[in-house]
């Protein structure tokens, strides 16, 4: 029988090591998947806008923990809903200059998100 430690996966015992970057990245990945599902199933309108910005914030937090090679392999975020962006962000989106990872939510949405 193989040694028991050899069977352990990096995420086993994750509650013992919350400060490790690998554990934090795994938790953020799970949160991002949950946020993506919430976005896909959100009602059009304000709920959808809030869900998209939650997804964007989790992606930004997750990207900060990943090495450059893994960062580049992440799939793009879904397109933001029509009214999720400010006027200026909409202009940048239409001209192809919107960098989602550097944007902040519009004031009204930021208030609803609690920032």
N, C-alpha and C. Protein backbone atom coordinates (compact mmCIF):
# COMPACT_ATOMS: atom_id res chain seq x y z
N UNK A 1 0.85 -1.19 0.00
CA UNK A 1 0.00 0.00 0.00
C UNK A 1 0.89 1.24 0.00
N UNK A 2 0.60 2.20 -0.87
CA UNK A 2 1.42 3.41 -0.91
C UNK A 2 1.31 4.17 0.40
N UNK A 3 2.30 4.95 0.62
CA UNK A 3 2.33 5.77 1.84
C UNK A 3 1.15 6.75 1.82
N UNK A 4 0.53 6.94 2.95
CA UNK A 4 -0.68 7.77 3.04
C UNK A 4 -0.42 9.22 2.60
N UNK A 5 0.72 9.77 2.93
CA UNK A 5 1.03 11.16 2.56
C UNK A 5 1.11 11.32 1.05
N UNK A 6 1.50 10.26 0.33
CA UNK A 6 1.61 10.34 -1.12
C UNK A 6 0.24 10.47 -1.78
N UNK A 7 -0.81 10.05 -1.09
CA UNK A 7 -2.16 10.12 -1.65
C UNK A 7 -2.81 11.48 -1.44
N UNK A 8 -2.24 12.30 -0.61
CA UNK A 8 -2.85 13.59 -0.30
C UNK A 8 -2.75 14.53 -1.50
N UNK A 9 -3.78 15.27 -1.68
CA UNK A 9 -3.80 16.29 -2.73
C UNK A 9 -3.48 17.63 -2.08
N UNK A 10 -3.03 18.62 -2.87
CA UNK A 10 -2.67 19.92 -2.28
C UNK A 10 -3.83 20.60 -1.56
N UNK A 11 -5.06 20.29 -1.94
CA UNK A 11 -6.19 20.96 -1.32
C UNK A 11 -6.69 20.23 -0.07
N UNK A 12 -6.18 19.03 0.21
CA UNK A 12 -6.56 18.34 1.44
C UNK A 12 -6.04 19.11 2.64
N UNK A 13 -6.85 19.25 3.61
CA UNK A 13 -6.46 19.99 4.79
C UNK A 13 -6.36 21.48 4.55
N UNK A 14 -7.12 21.97 3.57
CA UNK A 14 -7.03 23.39 3.21
C UNK A 14 -7.43 24.29 4.37
N UNK A 15 -8.30 23.79 5.23
CA UNK A 15 -8.71 24.63 6.35
C UNK A 15 -7.56 24.83 7.34
N UNK A 16 -6.54 23.96 7.27
CA UNK A 16 -5.37 24.10 8.13
C UNK A 16 -4.42 25.17 7.62
N UNK A 17 -4.49 25.49 6.32
CA UNK A 17 -3.51 26.38 5.70
C UNK A 17 -4.18 27.48 4.88
N UNK A 18 -4.99 28.32 5.49
CA UNK A 18 -5.70 29.34 4.70
C UNK A 18 -4.77 30.41 4.12
N UNK A 19 -3.57 30.55 4.68
CA UNK A 19 -2.68 31.62 4.22
C UNK A 19 -1.84 31.20 3.01
N UNK A 20 -1.82 29.93 2.65
CA UNK A 20 -1.02 29.48 1.51
C UNK A 20 -1.64 29.99 0.21
N UNK A 21 -0.82 30.49 -0.71
CA UNK A 21 -1.35 31.02 -1.97
C UNK A 21 -2.11 29.98 -2.78
N UNK A 22 -1.66 28.73 -2.78
CA UNK A 22 -2.36 27.70 -3.56
C UNK A 22 -3.76 27.45 -3.01
N UNK A 23 -3.90 27.46 -1.71
CA UNK A 23 -5.21 27.25 -1.09
C UNK A 23 -6.10 28.46 -1.36
N UNK A 24 -5.55 29.65 -1.24
CA UNK A 24 -6.32 30.87 -1.51
C UNK A 24 -6.76 30.91 -2.97
N UNK A 25 -5.87 30.52 -3.89
CA UNK A 25 -6.22 30.51 -5.31
C UNK A 25 -7.32 29.50 -5.59
N UNK A 26 -7.26 28.36 -4.95
CA UNK A 26 -8.29 27.34 -5.13
C UNK A 26 -9.64 27.84 -4.61
N UNK A 27 -9.63 28.49 -3.47
CA UNK A 27 -10.87 29.04 -2.92
C UNK A 27 -11.44 30.14 -3.82
N UNK A 28 -10.56 30.97 -4.36
CA UNK A 28 -11.03 32.02 -5.26
C UNK A 28 -11.57 31.43 -6.56
N UNK A 29 -10.97 30.34 -7.03
CA UNK A 29 -11.48 29.69 -8.23
C UNK A 29 -12.90 29.18 -7.98
N UNK A 30 -13.09 28.56 -6.84
CA UNK A 30 -14.42 28.06 -6.49
C UNK A 30 -15.42 29.21 -6.39
N UNK A 31 -15.01 30.30 -5.75
CA UNK A 31 -15.89 31.46 -5.63
C UNK A 31 -16.20 32.05 -7.00
N UNK A 32 -15.20 32.05 -7.89
CA UNK A 32 -15.41 32.58 -9.23
C UNK A 32 -16.41 31.72 -10.01
N UNK A 33 -16.31 30.41 -9.88
CA UNK A 33 -17.26 29.52 -10.54
C UNK A 33 -18.67 29.78 -10.01
N UNK A 34 -18.80 29.91 -8.70
CA UNK A 34 -20.11 30.21 -8.10
C UNK A 34 -20.65 31.54 -8.61
N UNK A 35 -19.78 32.55 -8.72
CA UNK A 35 -20.20 33.86 -9.20
C UNK A 35 -20.60 33.80 -10.68
N UNK A 36 -19.89 32.99 -11.47
CA UNK A 36 -20.24 32.84 -12.88
C UNK A 36 -21.62 32.19 -13.02
N UNK A 37 -21.88 31.18 -12.21
CA UNK A 37 -23.20 30.55 -12.24
C UNK A 37 -24.28 31.54 -11.81
N UNK A 38 -24.00 32.33 -10.79
CA UNK A 38 -24.96 33.33 -10.34
C UNK A 38 -25.22 34.35 -11.45
N UNK A 39 -24.18 34.75 -12.17
CA UNK A 39 -24.33 35.70 -13.28
C UNK A 39 -25.18 35.09 -14.39
N UNK A 40 -24.90 33.85 -14.74
CA UNK A 40 -25.64 33.19 -15.83
C UNK A 40 -27.13 33.04 -15.50
N UNK A 41 -27.45 32.89 -14.22
CA UNK A 41 -28.84 32.66 -13.83
C UNK A 41 -29.52 33.91 -13.27
N UNK A 42 -28.82 35.04 -13.27
CA UNK A 42 -29.40 36.28 -12.73
C UNK A 42 -30.45 36.84 -13.68
N UNK A 43 -31.43 37.48 -13.09
CA UNK A 43 -32.45 38.16 -13.89
C UNK A 43 -31.82 39.37 -14.57
N UNK A 44 -32.19 39.64 -15.82
CA UNK A 44 -31.66 40.83 -16.49
C UNK A 44 -31.99 42.09 -15.69
N UNK A 45 -31.07 43.01 -15.69
CA UNK A 45 -31.26 44.25 -14.94
C UNK A 45 -30.22 44.39 -13.86
N UNK A 46 -30.64 44.95 -12.74
CA UNK A 46 -29.70 45.26 -11.67
C UNK A 46 -29.04 44.01 -11.08
N UNK A 47 -29.81 42.93 -10.94
CA UNK A 47 -29.23 41.70 -10.40
C UNK A 47 -28.11 41.18 -11.29
N UNK A 48 -28.31 41.24 -12.58
CA UNK A 48 -27.29 40.79 -13.53
C UNK A 48 -26.06 41.69 -13.47
N UNK A 49 -26.28 43.01 -13.36
CA UNK A 49 -25.16 43.95 -13.27
C UNK A 49 -24.31 43.67 -12.02
N UNK A 50 -24.98 43.49 -10.88
CA UNK A 50 -24.26 43.21 -9.63
C UNK A 50 -23.51 41.88 -9.72
N UNK A 51 -24.14 40.88 -10.30
CA UNK A 51 -23.50 39.57 -10.43
C UNK A 51 -22.25 39.66 -11.31
N UNK A 52 -22.32 40.45 -12.38
CA UNK A 52 -21.16 40.58 -13.26
C UNK A 52 -20.00 41.27 -12.54
N UNK A 53 -20.29 42.32 -11.78
CA UNK A 53 -19.22 43.02 -11.07
C UNK A 53 -18.64 42.15 -9.95
N UNK A 54 -19.46 41.33 -9.31
CA UNK A 54 -18.93 40.38 -8.31
C UNK A 54 -17.97 39.41 -8.99
N UNK A 55 -18.37 38.92 -10.15
CA UNK A 55 -17.52 38.01 -10.92
C UNK A 55 -16.21 38.71 -11.30
N UNK A 56 -16.30 39.95 -11.74
CA UNK A 56 -15.10 40.70 -12.13
C UNK A 56 -14.15 40.88 -10.96
N UNK A 57 -14.69 41.20 -9.78
CA UNK A 57 -13.84 41.41 -8.60
C UNK A 57 -13.14 40.13 -8.18
N UNK A 58 -13.85 39.01 -8.26
CA UNK A 58 -13.22 37.73 -7.91
C UNK A 58 -12.13 37.37 -8.91
N UNK A 59 -12.36 37.69 -10.19
CA UNK A 59 -11.34 37.40 -11.20
C UNK A 59 -10.08 38.23 -10.93
N UNK A 60 -10.26 39.49 -10.58
CA UNK A 60 -9.12 40.35 -10.28
C UNK A 60 -8.35 39.81 -9.08
N UNK A 61 -9.06 39.40 -8.04
CA UNK A 61 -8.41 38.85 -6.85
C UNK A 61 -7.68 37.55 -7.18
N UNK A 62 -8.29 36.72 -8.01
CA UNK A 62 -7.67 35.45 -8.37
C UNK A 62 -6.43 35.67 -9.25
N UNK A 63 -6.52 36.60 -10.19
CA UNK A 63 -5.37 36.87 -11.07
C UNK A 63 -4.16 37.33 -10.27
N UNK A 64 -4.41 38.05 -9.18
CA UNK A 64 -3.30 38.55 -8.36
C UNK A 64 -2.51 37.41 -7.72
N UNK A 65 -3.14 36.27 -7.51
CA UNK A 65 -2.47 35.14 -6.86
C UNK A 65 -1.83 34.16 -7.84
N UNK A 66 -2.20 34.25 -9.11
CA UNK A 66 -1.71 33.27 -10.08
C UNK A 66 -0.40 33.72 -10.71
N UNK A 67 0.46 32.75 -11.08
CA UNK A 67 1.66 33.11 -11.84
C UNK A 67 1.27 33.59 -13.25
N UNK A 68 2.16 34.29 -13.90
CA UNK A 68 1.88 34.90 -15.21
C UNK A 68 1.38 33.89 -16.23
N UNK A 69 1.97 32.69 -16.26
CA UNK A 69 1.57 31.70 -17.26
C UNK A 69 0.12 31.27 -17.07
N UNK A 70 -0.29 31.07 -15.83
CA UNK A 70 -1.68 30.68 -15.57
C UNK A 70 -2.63 31.85 -15.79
N UNK A 71 -2.18 33.06 -15.50
CA UNK A 71 -3.00 34.25 -15.73
C UNK A 71 -3.40 34.37 -17.19
N UNK A 72 -2.44 34.09 -18.07
CA UNK A 72 -2.69 34.22 -19.50
C UNK A 72 -3.60 33.13 -20.03
N UNK A 73 -3.72 32.02 -19.31
CA UNK A 73 -4.56 30.91 -19.77
C UNK A 73 -6.00 31.03 -19.31
N UNK A 74 -6.31 31.99 -18.46
CA UNK A 74 -7.69 32.13 -17.98
C UNK A 74 -8.61 32.53 -19.14
N UNK A 75 -9.80 31.94 -19.19
CA UNK A 75 -10.73 32.36 -20.24
C UNK A 75 -11.23 33.78 -19.97
N UNK A 76 -11.60 34.50 -21.00
CA UNK A 76 -12.09 35.87 -20.77
C UNK A 76 -13.41 35.86 -20.02
N UNK A 77 -13.67 36.93 -19.32
CA UNK A 77 -14.96 37.08 -18.65
C UNK A 77 -16.05 37.25 -19.70
N UNK A 78 -17.28 36.88 -19.36
CA UNK A 78 -18.37 37.15 -20.30
C UNK A 78 -18.55 38.66 -20.48
N UNK A 79 -19.14 39.02 -21.59
CA UNK A 79 -19.39 40.44 -21.86
C UNK A 79 -20.25 41.02 -20.74
N UNK A 80 -19.96 42.24 -20.32
CA UNK A 80 -20.79 42.85 -19.27
C UNK A 80 -22.19 43.16 -19.80
N UNK A 81 -23.18 43.12 -18.93
CA UNK A 81 -24.53 43.51 -19.35
C UNK A 81 -24.56 44.96 -19.82
N UNK A 82 -25.60 45.30 -20.52
CA UNK A 82 -25.71 46.62 -21.15
C UNK A 82 -25.51 47.77 -20.17
N UNK A 83 -26.15 47.74 -19.02
CA UNK A 83 -26.09 48.87 -18.09
C UNK A 83 -25.15 48.63 -16.92
N UNK A 84 -24.25 47.67 -17.04
CA UNK A 84 -23.31 47.39 -15.94
C UNK A 84 -22.13 48.35 -15.95
N UNK A 85 -21.88 49.00 -17.07
CA UNK A 85 -20.73 49.88 -17.20
C UNK A 85 -21.15 51.34 -17.15
N UNK A 86 -20.22 52.18 -16.73
CA UNK A 86 -20.46 53.62 -16.80
C UNK A 86 -20.40 54.05 -18.27
N UNK A 87 -20.78 55.28 -18.52
CA UNK A 87 -20.75 55.79 -19.89
C UNK A 87 -19.34 55.67 -20.47
N UNK A 88 -18.34 56.09 -19.70
CA UNK A 88 -16.97 56.08 -20.18
C UNK A 88 -16.46 54.66 -20.39
N UNK A 89 -16.83 53.74 -19.50
CA UNK A 89 -16.44 52.35 -19.68
C UNK A 89 -17.09 51.77 -20.94
N UNK A 90 -18.32 52.19 -21.23
CA UNK A 90 -18.98 51.75 -22.45
C UNK A 90 -18.26 52.23 -23.69
N UNK A 91 -17.78 53.47 -23.65
CA UNK A 91 -17.00 54.00 -24.77
C UNK A 91 -15.73 53.18 -24.95
N UNK A 92 -15.04 52.90 -23.84
CA UNK A 92 -13.81 52.11 -23.93
C UNK A 92 -14.10 50.69 -24.44
N UNK A 93 -15.23 50.12 -24.05
CA UNK A 93 -15.60 48.79 -24.53
C UNK A 93 -15.82 48.80 -26.04
N UNK A 94 -16.54 49.81 -26.53
CA UNK A 94 -16.82 49.90 -27.96
C UNK A 94 -15.57 50.15 -28.78
N UNK A 95 -14.59 50.83 -28.22
CA UNK A 95 -13.35 51.09 -28.96
C UNK A 95 -12.30 50.02 -28.73
N UNK A 96 -12.62 49.02 -27.92
CA UNK A 96 -11.68 47.93 -27.67
C UNK A 96 -10.58 48.26 -26.68
N UNK A 97 -10.74 49.29 -25.89
CA UNK A 97 -9.71 49.69 -24.93
C UNK A 97 -10.06 49.39 -23.48
N UNK A 98 -11.18 48.71 -23.26
CA UNK A 98 -11.59 48.39 -21.89
C UNK A 98 -10.75 47.24 -21.36
N UNK A 99 -10.07 47.48 -20.25
CA UNK A 99 -9.31 46.43 -19.56
C UNK A 99 -10.07 46.13 -18.28
N UNK A 100 -10.84 45.08 -18.32
CA UNK A 100 -11.77 44.76 -17.25
C UNK A 100 -11.06 44.64 -15.90
N UNK A 101 -9.85 44.09 -15.90
CA UNK A 101 -9.15 43.88 -14.63
C UNK A 101 -8.70 45.18 -13.98
N UNK A 102 -8.76 46.28 -14.69
CA UNK A 102 -8.33 47.56 -14.12
C UNK A 102 -9.50 48.49 -13.80
N UNK A 103 -10.71 48.05 -14.07
CA UNK A 103 -11.88 48.90 -13.91
C UNK A 103 -12.51 48.75 -12.53
N UNK A 104 -13.20 49.78 -12.12
CA UNK A 104 -14.00 49.77 -10.89
C UNK A 104 -15.46 49.92 -11.28
N UNK A 105 -16.35 49.39 -10.47
CA UNK A 105 -17.77 49.52 -10.81
C UNK A 105 -18.22 50.98 -10.74
N UNK A 106 -19.24 51.34 -11.51
CA UNK A 106 -19.81 52.68 -11.38
C UNK A 106 -20.29 52.92 -9.95
N UNK A 107 -20.40 54.18 -9.56
CA UNK A 107 -20.72 54.52 -8.16
C UNK A 107 -21.98 53.84 -7.62
N UNK A 108 -23.05 53.84 -8.40
CA UNK A 108 -24.31 53.24 -7.91
C UNK A 108 -24.14 51.75 -7.65
N UNK A 109 -23.44 51.08 -8.53
CA UNK A 109 -23.22 49.64 -8.35
C UNK A 109 -22.23 49.40 -7.21
N UNK A 110 -21.21 50.24 -7.11
CA UNK A 110 -20.24 50.09 -6.01
C UNK A 110 -20.92 50.23 -4.66
N UNK A 111 -21.87 51.15 -4.55
CA UNK A 111 -22.61 51.30 -3.29
C UNK A 111 -23.39 50.04 -2.97
N UNK A 112 -24.01 49.45 -3.97
CA UNK A 112 -24.78 48.22 -3.75
C UNK A 112 -23.87 47.04 -3.40
N UNK A 113 -22.65 47.05 -3.92
CA UNK A 113 -21.69 45.98 -3.61
C UNK A 113 -21.05 46.17 -2.24
N UNK A 114 -21.18 47.37 -1.69
CA UNK A 114 -20.63 47.63 -0.37
C UNK A 114 -19.22 48.16 -0.37
N UNK A 115 -18.81 48.82 -1.45
CA UNK A 115 -17.46 49.41 -1.47
C UNK A 115 -17.54 50.91 -1.53
